[in-house]
């Protein structure tokens, strides 16, 4: 049978824009958060598509930059987004105000390729177009650890978080250079195993 369109979600701005990232949180107060080329985060009600709020990430006095990746905390209270400049910021879902910046301890400023929360909402994992992945504390944005992955920045390779496993207390990501899926323990970052896709 044919699939019917149930509802449409819009940018709600003046000009046509390109959707660049999205995240969803279910439950009774389901929300869809979309990131756009003009640096706007749009929070919509899943049930009827109505606009709840728009968060203008350029209002912090920086040039407007497209949203590269975003994630929503498991409790639906926090949005984390990254821009073209590799900046990662958290926002309050309730009113759109900025929460914290995520700060790394080195000079690597590769663009973020993906973001994901741990199931308990305590950590945010970020992967980059290049040779690293990072683990941050969600409450204050502090860096927990940096994980070298072997990606080749010159060739534009990236790593991407696929999942966080709450049972095994691990996180999983892909590594393009070696065609591997790598599994690490969350508490200490130790490599558990590699799965070669070749």
N, C-alpha and C. Protein backbone atom coordinates (compact mmCIF):
# COMPACT_ATOMS: atom_id res chain seq x y z
N UNK A 1 0.84 -1.20 0.00
CA UNK A 1 0.00 0.00 0.00
C UNK A 1 0.87 1.25 0.00
N UNK A 2 0.32 2.33 -0.50
CA UNK A 2 1.06 3.58 -0.60
C UNK A 2 1.28 4.20 0.77
N UNK A 3 2.41 4.84 0.92
CA UNK A 3 2.72 5.56 2.15
C UNK A 3 2.20 6.99 2.04
N UNK A 4 1.40 7.41 3.00
CA UNK A 4 0.81 8.74 2.95
C UNK A 4 1.58 9.71 3.85
N UNK A 5 1.74 10.93 3.38
CA UNK A 5 2.38 11.97 4.16
C UNK A 5 1.47 12.37 5.32
N UNK A 6 1.98 12.31 6.53
CA UNK A 6 1.18 12.63 7.70
C UNK A 6 1.25 14.10 8.06
N UNK A 7 2.46 14.67 8.04
CA UNK A 7 2.61 16.10 8.33
C UNK A 7 3.94 16.59 7.79
N UNK A 8 4.06 17.90 7.66
CA UNK A 8 5.26 18.54 7.15
C UNK A 8 5.78 19.53 8.18
N UNK A 9 7.11 19.57 8.34
CA UNK A 9 7.75 20.49 9.28
C UNK A 9 8.52 21.54 8.48
N UNK A 10 8.46 22.79 8.94
CA UNK A 10 9.06 23.89 8.20
C UNK A 10 10.12 24.62 9.00
N UNK A 11 10.95 25.35 8.26
CA UNK A 11 11.97 26.20 8.87
C UNK A 11 11.35 27.37 9.60
N UNK A 12 10.25 27.89 9.10
CA UNK A 12 9.50 29.01 9.69
C UNK A 12 10.24 30.34 9.60
N UNK A 13 11.19 30.43 8.71
CA UNK A 13 11.87 31.70 8.50
C UNK A 13 11.38 32.35 7.22
N UNK A 14 12.03 33.41 6.78
CA UNK A 14 11.59 34.14 5.62
C UNK A 14 11.94 33.45 4.31
N UNK A 15 13.24 33.15 4.13
CA UNK A 15 13.70 32.58 2.87
C UNK A 15 13.77 31.05 2.95
N UNK A 16 13.78 30.42 1.77
CA UNK A 16 13.94 28.97 1.71
C UNK A 16 15.32 28.59 2.24
N UNK A 17 15.39 27.52 3.01
CA UNK A 17 16.65 27.09 3.60
C UNK A 17 16.84 25.60 3.40
N UNK A 18 18.09 25.16 3.56
CA UNK A 18 18.40 23.75 3.44
C UNK A 18 18.53 23.12 4.82
N UNK A 19 17.89 21.95 5.00
CA UNK A 19 17.99 21.20 6.24
C UNK A 19 19.35 20.52 6.27
N UNK A 20 20.10 20.67 7.38
CA UNK A 20 21.43 20.09 7.47
C UNK A 20 21.59 19.06 8.56
N UNK A 21 20.71 19.03 9.55
CA UNK A 21 20.80 18.06 10.65
C UNK A 21 19.46 17.97 11.33
N UNK A 22 19.20 16.84 12.01
CA UNK A 22 17.94 16.70 12.74
C UNK A 22 18.10 15.71 13.88
N UNK A 23 17.21 15.82 14.86
CA UNK A 23 17.17 14.91 16.00
C UNK A 23 15.75 14.83 16.49
N UNK A 24 15.41 13.75 17.19
CA UNK A 24 14.04 13.56 17.63
C UNK A 24 14.02 12.96 19.03
N UNK A 25 13.06 13.38 19.84
CA UNK A 25 12.84 12.80 21.16
C UNK A 25 11.37 12.46 21.26
N UNK A 26 11.06 11.23 21.63
CA UNK A 26 9.67 10.78 21.65
C UNK A 26 8.98 11.03 22.97
N UNK A 27 7.95 10.23 23.26
CA UNK A 27 7.21 10.38 24.50
C UNK A 27 6.03 11.32 24.36
N UNK A 28 5.40 11.61 25.48
CA UNK A 28 4.20 12.44 25.48
C UNK A 28 4.48 13.84 24.96
N UNK A 29 5.67 14.35 25.22
CA UNK A 29 6.04 15.70 24.77
C UNK A 29 7.05 15.61 23.64
N UNK A 30 6.76 14.78 22.64
CA UNK A 30 7.68 14.55 21.54
C UNK A 30 8.09 15.82 20.83
N UNK A 31 9.38 15.93 20.53
CA UNK A 31 9.93 17.10 19.85
C UNK A 31 10.80 16.65 18.68
N UNK A 32 10.74 17.44 17.62
CA UNK A 32 11.67 17.30 16.50
C UNK A 32 12.52 18.56 16.48
N UNK A 33 13.83 18.38 16.47
CA UNK A 33 14.75 19.52 16.38
C UNK A 33 15.48 19.41 15.05
N UNK A 34 15.44 20.47 14.27
CA UNK A 34 16.11 20.49 12.98
C UNK A 34 17.13 21.62 12.95
N UNK A 35 18.26 21.35 12.29
CA UNK A 35 19.31 22.35 12.11
C UNK A 35 19.37 22.76 10.65
N UNK A 36 19.64 24.05 10.40
CA UNK A 36 19.51 24.58 9.04
C UNK A 36 20.77 25.30 8.58
N UNK A 37 20.83 25.52 7.27
CA UNK A 37 21.99 26.14 6.64
C UNK A 37 22.30 27.52 7.21
N UNK A 38 21.27 28.23 7.68
CA UNK A 38 21.47 29.59 8.19
C UNK A 38 21.81 29.62 9.68
N UNK A 39 22.10 28.47 10.29
CA UNK A 39 22.47 28.44 11.69
C UNK A 39 21.30 28.45 12.66
N UNK A 40 20.09 28.21 12.17
CA UNK A 40 18.91 28.20 13.02
C UNK A 40 18.59 26.78 13.46
N UNK A 41 18.27 26.62 14.74
CA UNK A 41 17.72 25.38 15.26
C UNK A 41 16.22 25.59 15.44
N UNK A 42 15.42 24.70 14.89
CA UNK A 42 13.97 24.81 14.97
C UNK A 42 13.43 23.65 15.80
N UNK A 43 12.68 23.97 16.86
CA UNK A 43 12.07 22.95 17.71
C UNK A 43 10.58 22.90 17.36
N UNK A 44 10.11 21.71 16.99
CA UNK A 44 8.71 21.54 16.57
C UNK A 44 8.04 20.45 17.39
N UNK A 45 6.72 20.53 17.49
CA UNK A 45 5.91 19.50 18.14
C UNK A 45 5.68 18.37 17.14
N UNK A 46 6.05 17.14 17.53
CA UNK A 46 5.91 16.02 16.62
C UNK A 46 4.44 15.74 16.29
N UNK A 47 3.56 15.94 17.25
CA UNK A 47 2.17 15.54 17.08
C UNK A 47 1.44 16.31 15.99
N UNK A 48 1.75 17.60 15.85
CA UNK A 48 1.03 18.39 14.86
C UNK A 48 1.93 19.24 13.97
N UNK A 49 3.25 19.18 14.18
CA UNK A 49 4.18 19.94 13.35
C UNK A 49 4.29 21.40 13.69
N UNK A 50 3.62 21.84 14.75
CA UNK A 50 3.63 23.27 15.09
C UNK A 50 5.00 23.71 15.63
N UNK A 51 5.33 24.96 15.37
CA UNK A 51 6.59 25.54 15.82
C UNK A 51 6.53 25.81 17.33
N UNK A 52 7.55 25.37 18.06
CA UNK A 52 7.67 25.66 19.48
C UNK A 52 8.62 26.83 19.69
N UNK A 53 9.79 26.76 19.05
CA UNK A 53 10.73 27.89 19.12
C UNK A 53 11.81 27.75 18.06
N UNK A 54 12.42 28.89 17.76
CA UNK A 54 13.58 28.94 16.89
C UNK A 54 14.76 29.44 17.72
N UNK A 55 15.90 28.79 17.59
CA UNK A 55 17.11 29.19 18.30
C UNK A 55 18.11 29.69 17.27
N UNK A 56 18.42 30.98 17.34
CA UNK A 56 19.36 31.58 16.39
C UNK A 56 20.76 31.49 16.98
N UNK A 57 21.57 30.56 16.46
CA UNK A 57 22.90 30.36 17.01
C UNK A 57 23.85 31.50 16.66
N UNK A 58 23.46 32.40 15.76
CA UNK A 58 24.31 33.53 15.40
C UNK A 58 24.15 34.70 16.37
N UNK A 59 23.21 34.62 17.29
CA UNK A 59 22.96 35.72 18.21
C UNK A 59 24.05 35.85 19.27
N UNK A 60 25.04 34.95 19.26
CA UNK A 60 26.13 35.03 20.22
C UNK A 60 27.24 35.95 19.73
N UNK A 61 26.98 36.67 18.63
CA UNK A 61 27.96 37.63 18.13
C UNK A 61 28.95 37.05 17.16
N UNK A 62 28.76 35.83 16.73
CA UNK A 62 29.65 35.19 15.78
C UNK A 62 28.98 35.13 14.42
N UNK A 63 29.77 34.98 13.34
CA UNK A 63 29.18 34.86 12.00
C UNK A 63 28.22 33.68 11.94
N UNK A 64 27.15 33.83 11.18
CA UNK A 64 26.18 32.75 11.03
C UNK A 64 26.83 31.57 10.32
N UNK A 65 26.70 30.39 10.87
CA UNK A 65 27.28 29.19 10.29
C UNK A 65 26.25 28.07 10.30
N UNK A 66 26.30 27.25 9.28
CA UNK A 66 25.33 26.16 9.18
C UNK A 66 25.51 25.16 10.31
N UNK A 67 24.41 24.51 10.68
CA UNK A 67 24.44 23.47 11.69
C UNK A 67 24.91 22.17 11.03
N UNK A 68 26.01 21.61 11.53
CA UNK A 68 26.57 20.39 10.95
C UNK A 68 25.95 19.14 11.56
N UNK A 69 25.81 19.13 12.88
CA UNK A 69 25.28 17.95 13.58
C UNK A 69 24.56 18.41 14.83
N UNK A 70 23.62 17.59 15.30
CA UNK A 70 22.95 17.89 16.56
C UNK A 70 22.52 16.59 17.23
N UNK A 71 22.27 16.69 18.53
CA UNK A 71 21.78 15.56 19.32
C UNK A 71 20.90 16.09 20.43
N UNK A 72 19.97 15.26 20.89
CA UNK A 72 19.06 15.63 21.97
C UNK A 72 19.30 14.68 23.14
N UNK A 73 19.38 15.22 24.35
CA UNK A 73 19.61 14.40 25.53
C UNK A 73 18.45 13.44 25.74
N UNK A 74 18.71 12.29 26.38
CA UNK A 74 17.64 11.30 26.59
C UNK A 74 16.44 11.84 27.36
N UNK A 75 16.65 12.82 28.25
CA UNK A 75 15.52 13.39 28.99
C UNK A 75 14.84 14.53 28.25
N UNK A 76 15.36 14.85 27.04
CA UNK A 76 14.74 15.88 26.22
C UNK A 76 14.97 17.30 26.70
N UNK A 77 15.87 17.52 27.63
CA UNK A 77 16.07 18.84 28.21
C UNK A 77 17.20 19.63 27.58
N UNK A 78 18.07 18.97 26.81
CA UNK A 78 19.26 19.62 26.28
C UNK A 78 19.44 19.29 24.81
N UNK A 79 19.81 20.30 24.03
CA UNK A 79 20.17 20.13 22.63
C UNK A 79 21.65 20.45 22.49
N UNK A 80 22.38 19.61 21.79
CA UNK A 80 23.79 19.88 21.51
C UNK A 80 23.93 20.02 20.00
N UNK A 81 24.63 21.08 19.56
CA UNK A 81 24.80 21.30 18.13
C UNK A 81 26.23 21.72 17.83
N UNK A 82 26.65 21.47 16.59
CA UNK A 82 27.97 21.90 16.14
C UNK A 82 27.83 22.67 14.84
N UNK A 83 28.78 23.55 14.62
CA UNK A 83 28.76 24.39 13.42
C UNK A 83 29.97 24.12 12.55
N UNK A 84 30.07 24.84 11.46
CA UNK A 84 31.17 24.67 10.50
C UNK A 84 32.52 24.96 11.14
N UNK A 85 32.54 25.80 12.16
CA UNK A 85 33.79 26.19 12.81
C UNK A 85 34.27 25.15 13.81
N UNK A 86 33.56 24.05 13.98
CA UNK A 86 33.84 22.96 14.92
C UNK A 86 33.41 23.30 16.34
N UNK A 87 32.77 24.46 16.54
CA UNK A 87 32.25 24.81 17.85
C UNK A 87 31.09 23.87 18.22
N UNK A 88 31.10 23.36 19.47
CA UNK A 88 30.00 22.54 19.98
C UNK A 88 29.37 23.28 21.14
N UNK A 89 28.05 23.47 21.08
CA UNK A 89 27.34 24.18 22.14
C UNK A 89 26.10 23.40 22.55
N UNK A 90 25.70 23.61 23.81
CA UNK A 90 24.47 23.01 24.33
C UNK A 90 23.46 24.11 24.57
N UNK A 91 22.17 23.77 24.38
CA UNK A 91 21.07 24.72 24.51
C UNK A 91 19.98 24.09 25.38
N UNK A 92 19.28 24.92 26.13
CA UNK A 92 18.15 24.44 26.93
C UNK A 92 16.94 24.27 26.02
N UNK A 93 16.36 23.08 26.03
CA UNK A 93 15.17 22.82 25.23
C UNK A 93 14.01 23.71 25.69
N UNK A 94 13.94 23.99 26.98
CA UNK A 94 12.78 24.69 27.55
C UNK A 94 12.62 26.11 27.04
N UNK A 95 13.74 26.83 26.85
CA UNK A 95 13.61 28.23 26.44
C UNK A 95 14.58 28.64 25.34
N UNK A 96 15.43 27.73 24.89
CA UNK A 96 16.36 28.03 23.80
C UNK A 96 17.61 28.77 24.22
N UNK A 97 17.79 29.00 25.51
CA UNK A 97 18.98 29.71 25.97
C UNK A 97 20.21 28.82 25.90
N UNK A 98 21.38 29.45 25.77
CA UNK A 98 22.61 28.66 25.71
C UNK A 98 22.92 28.07 27.07
N UNK A 99 23.40 26.84 27.05
CA UNK A 99 23.78 26.15 28.29
C UNK A 99 25.29 26.23 28.48
N UNK A 100 26.05 25.36 27.80
CA UNK A 100 27.50 25.34 27.96
C UNK A 100 28.18 25.20 26.60
N UNK A 101 29.47 25.55 26.55
CA UNK A 101 30.34 25.27 25.41
C UNK A 101 31.14 24.02 25.72
N UNK A 102 31.44 23.24 24.70
CA UNK A 102 32.26 22.05 24.88
C UNK A 102 33.68 22.39 24.44
N UNK A 103 34.61 22.30 25.37
CA UNK A 103 35.97 22.77 25.16
C UNK A 103 36.94 21.60 25.08
N UNK A 104 37.77 21.59 24.02
CA UNK A 104 38.80 20.56 23.89
C UNK A 104 40.13 21.13 24.37
N UNK A 105 41.10 20.25 24.58
CA UNK A 105 42.37 20.67 25.16
C UNK A 105 43.50 20.72 24.15
N UNK A 106 43.20 20.68 22.86
CA UNK A 106 44.27 20.74 21.87
C UNK A 106 43.85 21.65 20.73
N UNK A 107 44.74 21.78 19.76
CA UNK A 107 44.54 22.76 18.68
C UNK A 107 43.79 22.19 17.49
N UNK A 108 43.43 20.92 17.53
CA UNK A 108 42.73 20.30 16.41
C UNK A 108 41.34 20.91 16.29
N UNK A 109 41.05 21.51 15.15
CA UNK A 109 39.76 22.18 14.95
C UNK A 109 39.01 21.60 13.77
N UNK A 110 39.20 20.31 13.51
CA UNK A 110 38.47 19.67 12.42
C UNK A 110 36.97 19.78 12.65
N UNK A 111 36.22 19.79 11.57
CA UNK A 111 34.79 19.93 11.67
C UNK A 111 34.16 18.66 12.27
N UNK A 112 33.16 18.85 13.11
CA UNK A 112 32.45 17.73 13.74
C UNK A 112 31.62 17.01 12.70
N UNK A 113 31.67 15.66 12.71
CA UNK A 113 30.87 14.89 11.75
C UNK A 113 29.61 14.30 12.39
N UNK A 114 29.63 14.06 13.71
CA UNK A 114 28.44 13.53 14.36
C UNK A 114 28.50 13.78 15.86
N UNK A 115 27.32 13.79 16.49
CA UNK A 115 27.18 13.97 17.93
C UNK A 115 26.18 12.94 18.45
N UNK A 116 26.43 12.42 19.65
CA UNK A 116 25.48 11.50 20.26
C UNK A 116 25.63 11.56 21.78
N UNK A 117 24.51 11.44 22.49
CA UNK A 117 24.52 11.37 23.94
C UNK A 117 24.68 9.92 24.40
N UNK A 118 25.28 9.73 25.57
CA UNK A 118 25.23 8.42 26.21
C UNK A 118 23.80 8.20 26.71
N UNK A 119 23.36 6.96 26.87
CA UNK A 119 21.98 6.69 27.28
C UNK A 119 21.58 7.33 28.61
N UNK A 120 22.54 7.53 29.51
CA UNK A 120 22.22 8.16 30.79
C UNK A 120 22.29 9.68 30.72
N UNK A 121 22.66 10.24 29.57
CA UNK A 121 22.71 11.68 29.39
C UNK A 121 23.90 12.36 30.03
N UNK A 122 24.83 11.60 30.59
CA UNK A 122 25.96 12.20 31.29
C UNK A 122 27.07 12.65 30.34
N UNK A 123 27.16 12.01 29.17
CA UNK A 123 28.26 12.30 28.26
C UNK A 123 27.76 12.60 26.85
N UNK A 124 28.57 13.36 26.13
CA UNK A 124 28.35 13.62 24.71
C UNK A 124 29.58 13.15 23.95
N UNK A 125 29.36 12.36 22.91
CA UNK A 125 30.44 11.89 22.06
C UNK A 125 30.41 12.67 20.75
N UNK A 126 31.59 13.12 20.32
CA UNK A 126 31.71 13.86 19.07
C UNK A 126 32.77 13.19 18.20
N UNK A 127 32.45 12.99 16.93
CA UNK A 127 33.46 12.51 15.99
C UNK A 127 33.74 13.62 15.00
N UNK A 128 34.92 13.59 14.39
CA UNK A 128 35.42 14.69 13.58
C UNK A 128 35.86 14.20 12.21
N UNK A 129 35.84 15.13 11.24
CA UNK A 129 36.38 14.84 9.92
C UNK A 129 37.90 14.86 10.05
N UNK A 130 38.46 13.72 10.38
CA UNK A 130 39.89 13.65 10.62
C UNK A 130 40.24 12.50 11.53
N UNK A 131 41.11 12.75 12.49
CA UNK A 131 41.77 11.66 13.18
C UNK A 131 41.32 11.46 14.63
N UNK A 132 40.23 12.07 15.05
CA UNK A 132 39.89 11.97 16.47
C UNK A 132 38.39 11.81 16.72
N UNK A 133 38.10 11.30 17.90
CA UNK A 133 36.76 11.37 18.47
C UNK A 133 36.97 11.89 19.89
N UNK A 134 35.94 12.53 20.46
CA UNK A 134 36.08 13.08 21.80
C UNK A 134 34.85 12.74 22.63
N UNK A 135 35.08 12.67 23.93
CA UNK A 135 34.04 12.39 24.91
C UNK A 135 34.01 13.57 25.89
N UNK A 136 32.84 14.20 26.05
CA UNK A 136 32.67 15.36 26.92
C UNK A 136 31.64 15.06 28.02
N UNK A 137 31.77 15.77 29.13
CA UNK A 137 30.72 15.76 30.14
C UNK A 137 29.59 16.67 29.66
N UNK A 138 28.35 16.20 29.74
CA UNK A 138 27.22 16.98 29.24
C UNK A 138 26.88 18.15 30.16
N UNK A 139 27.17 18.03 31.47
CA UNK A 139 26.73 19.07 32.40
C UNK A 139 27.57 20.33 32.36
N UNK A 140 28.87 20.19 32.06
CA UNK A 140 29.73 21.39 32.06
C UNK A 140 30.56 21.55 30.80
N UNK A 141 30.46 20.60 29.85
CA UNK A 141 31.18 20.71 28.59
C UNK A 141 32.65 20.36 28.65
N UNK A 142 33.12 19.87 29.79
CA UNK A 142 34.55 19.57 29.93
C UNK A 142 34.91 18.29 29.17
N UNK A 143 36.14 18.28 28.66
CA UNK A 143 36.62 17.13 27.91
C UNK A 143 37.00 16.00 28.86
N UNK A 144 36.49 14.81 28.58
CA UNK A 144 36.86 13.63 29.36
C UNK A 144 38.07 12.96 28.74
N UNK A 145 38.02 12.73 27.42
CA UNK A 145 39.17 12.15 26.73
C UNK A 145 39.08 12.39 25.23
N UNK A 146 40.25 12.34 24.59
CA UNK A 146 40.35 12.39 23.14
C UNK A 146 40.82 11.02 22.66
N UNK A 147 40.17 10.50 21.62
CA UNK A 147 40.47 9.16 21.14
C UNK A 147 41.03 9.25 19.72
N UNK A 148 42.34 8.97 19.51
CA UNK A 148 42.87 8.92 18.15
C UNK A 148 42.23 7.75 17.40
N UNK A 149 41.86 7.98 16.14
CA UNK A 149 41.18 6.93 15.39
C UNK A 149 41.91 6.51 14.13
N UNK A 150 42.92 7.25 13.73
CA UNK A 150 43.68 6.86 12.55
C UNK A 150 43.13 7.41 11.25
N UNK A 151 42.12 8.29 11.30
CA UNK A 151 41.58 8.88 10.09
C UNK A 151 42.59 9.79 9.41
N UNK A 152 42.43 10.01 8.13
CA UNK A 152 43.36 10.82 7.34
C UNK A 152 42.69 12.14 7.00
N UNK A 153 43.11 13.23 7.67
CA UNK A 153 42.51 14.54 7.43
C UNK A 153 42.70 14.98 5.99
N UNK A 154 43.89 14.73 5.44
CA UNK A 154 44.22 15.19 4.08
C UNK A 154 43.28 14.58 3.05
N UNK A 155 42.83 13.36 3.31
CA UNK A 155 41.92 12.68 2.37
C UNK A 155 40.46 12.92 2.70
N UNK A 156 40.19 13.77 3.70
CA UNK A 156 38.82 14.10 4.05
C UNK A 156 38.07 12.97 4.72
N UNK A 157 38.80 12.04 5.35
CA UNK A 157 38.14 10.91 5.99
C UNK A 157 37.54 11.33 7.32
N UNK A 158 36.51 10.62 7.72
CA UNK A 158 35.82 10.97 8.95
C UNK A 158 35.51 9.72 9.75
N UNK A 159 35.20 9.93 11.02
CA UNK A 159 34.72 8.85 11.86
C UNK A 159 33.32 9.21 12.32
N UNK A 160 32.49 8.21 12.55
CA UNK A 160 31.13 8.51 12.93
C UNK A 160 30.64 7.59 14.04
N UNK A 161 30.08 8.16 15.10
CA UNK A 161 29.51 7.35 16.16
C UNK A 161 28.25 6.67 15.64
N UNK A 162 28.19 5.37 15.76
CA UNK A 162 27.01 4.63 15.34
C UNK A 162 26.03 4.45 16.48
N UNK A 163 26.57 4.13 17.68
CA UNK A 163 25.67 3.81 18.78
C UNK A 163 26.42 3.83 20.10
N UNK A 164 25.66 3.96 21.17
CA UNK A 164 26.18 3.79 22.52
C UNK A 164 25.39 2.65 23.15
N UNK A 165 26.08 1.64 23.67
CA UNK A 165 25.45 0.44 24.21
C UNK A 165 25.38 0.54 25.73
N UNK A 166 24.19 0.75 26.31
CA UNK A 166 24.08 0.89 27.77
C UNK A 166 24.29 -0.42 28.52
N UNK A 167 24.09 -1.55 27.86
CA UNK A 167 24.28 -2.84 28.51
C UNK A 167 25.76 -3.15 28.68
N UNK A 168 26.51 -2.98 27.60
CA UNK A 168 27.94 -3.26 27.63
C UNK A 168 28.76 -2.06 28.09
N UNK A 169 28.10 -0.89 28.23
CA UNK A 169 28.78 0.34 28.62
C UNK A 169 29.90 0.68 27.64
N UNK A 170 29.55 0.63 26.35
CA UNK A 170 30.52 0.89 25.29
C UNK A 170 29.94 1.88 24.28
N UNK A 171 30.84 2.45 23.47
CA UNK A 171 30.40 3.24 22.33
C UNK A 171 31.07 2.69 21.08
N UNK A 172 30.42 2.86 19.94
CA UNK A 172 30.82 2.23 18.69
C UNK A 172 30.95 3.30 17.62
N UNK A 173 32.02 3.24 16.82
CA UNK A 173 32.15 4.17 15.71
C UNK A 173 32.82 3.49 14.52
N UNK A 174 32.66 4.08 13.35
CA UNK A 174 33.30 3.57 12.15
C UNK A 174 34.57 4.35 11.88
N UNK A 175 35.51 3.72 11.19
CA UNK A 175 36.78 4.33 10.84
C UNK A 175 37.02 4.06 9.36
N UNK A 176 36.95 5.13 8.53
CA UNK A 176 36.95 4.96 7.09
C UNK A 176 38.25 4.39 6.53
N UNK A 177 39.38 4.79 7.09
CA UNK A 177 40.67 4.41 6.52
C UNK A 177 40.88 2.91 6.54
N UNK A 178 40.42 2.25 7.58
CA UNK A 178 40.63 0.81 7.72
C UNK A 178 39.35 0.00 7.52
N UNK A 179 38.24 0.69 7.23
CA UNK A 179 36.94 0.02 7.08
C UNK A 179 36.58 -0.81 8.30
N UNK A 180 36.88 -0.26 9.47
CA UNK A 180 36.62 -0.98 10.70
C UNK A 180 35.49 -0.36 11.51
N UNK A 181 34.83 -1.20 12.27
CA UNK A 181 33.95 -0.74 13.33
C UNK A 181 34.70 -0.99 14.64
N UNK A 182 34.83 0.05 15.46
CA UNK A 182 35.59 -0.07 16.69
C UNK A 182 34.68 0.13 17.90
N UNK A 183 34.91 -0.67 18.90
CA UNK A 183 34.10 -0.64 20.12
C UNK A 183 35.00 -0.32 21.31
N UNK A 184 34.65 0.74 22.05
CA UNK A 184 35.44 1.17 23.20
C UNK A 184 34.58 1.16 24.46
N UNK A 185 35.21 0.94 25.61
CA UNK A 185 34.53 1.06 26.88
C UNK A 185 34.37 2.53 27.24
N UNK A 186 33.20 2.91 27.74
CA UNK A 186 32.95 4.30 28.13
C UNK A 186 33.79 4.71 29.34
N UNK A 187 33.91 3.91 30.41
CA UNK A 187 34.60 4.39 31.61
C UNK A 187 36.06 4.80 31.38
N UNK A 188 36.81 4.01 30.58
CA UNK A 188 38.23 4.31 30.42
C UNK A 188 38.67 4.50 28.97
N UNK A 189 37.76 4.35 28.02
CA UNK A 189 38.11 4.55 26.62
C UNK A 189 38.87 3.41 25.98
N UNK A 190 39.08 2.33 26.71
CA UNK A 190 39.87 1.21 26.19
C UNK A 190 39.17 0.54 25.01
N UNK A 191 39.97 0.17 24.00
CA UNK A 191 39.43 -0.54 22.84
C UNK A 191 39.06 -1.95 23.24
N UNK A 192 37.81 -2.33 23.01
CA UNK A 192 37.33 -3.67 23.34
C UNK A 192 37.59 -4.62 22.18
N UNK A 193 37.18 -4.21 20.97
CA UNK A 193 37.42 -5.04 19.79
C UNK A 193 37.22 -4.23 18.51
N UNK A 194 37.70 -4.81 17.44
CA UNK A 194 37.56 -4.24 16.11
C UNK A 194 36.84 -5.23 15.21
N UNK A 195 35.95 -4.72 14.38
CA UNK A 195 35.25 -5.56 13.41
C UNK A 195 35.60 -5.03 12.03
N UNK A 196 36.29 -5.82 11.24
CA UNK A 196 36.74 -5.39 9.92
C UNK A 196 35.66 -5.66 8.90
N UNK A 197 35.32 -4.63 8.13
CA UNK A 197 34.22 -4.73 7.16
C UNK A 197 34.73 -5.08 5.77
N UNK A 198 36.04 -5.29 5.64
CA UNK A 198 36.61 -5.54 4.32
C UNK A 198 36.23 -6.94 3.82
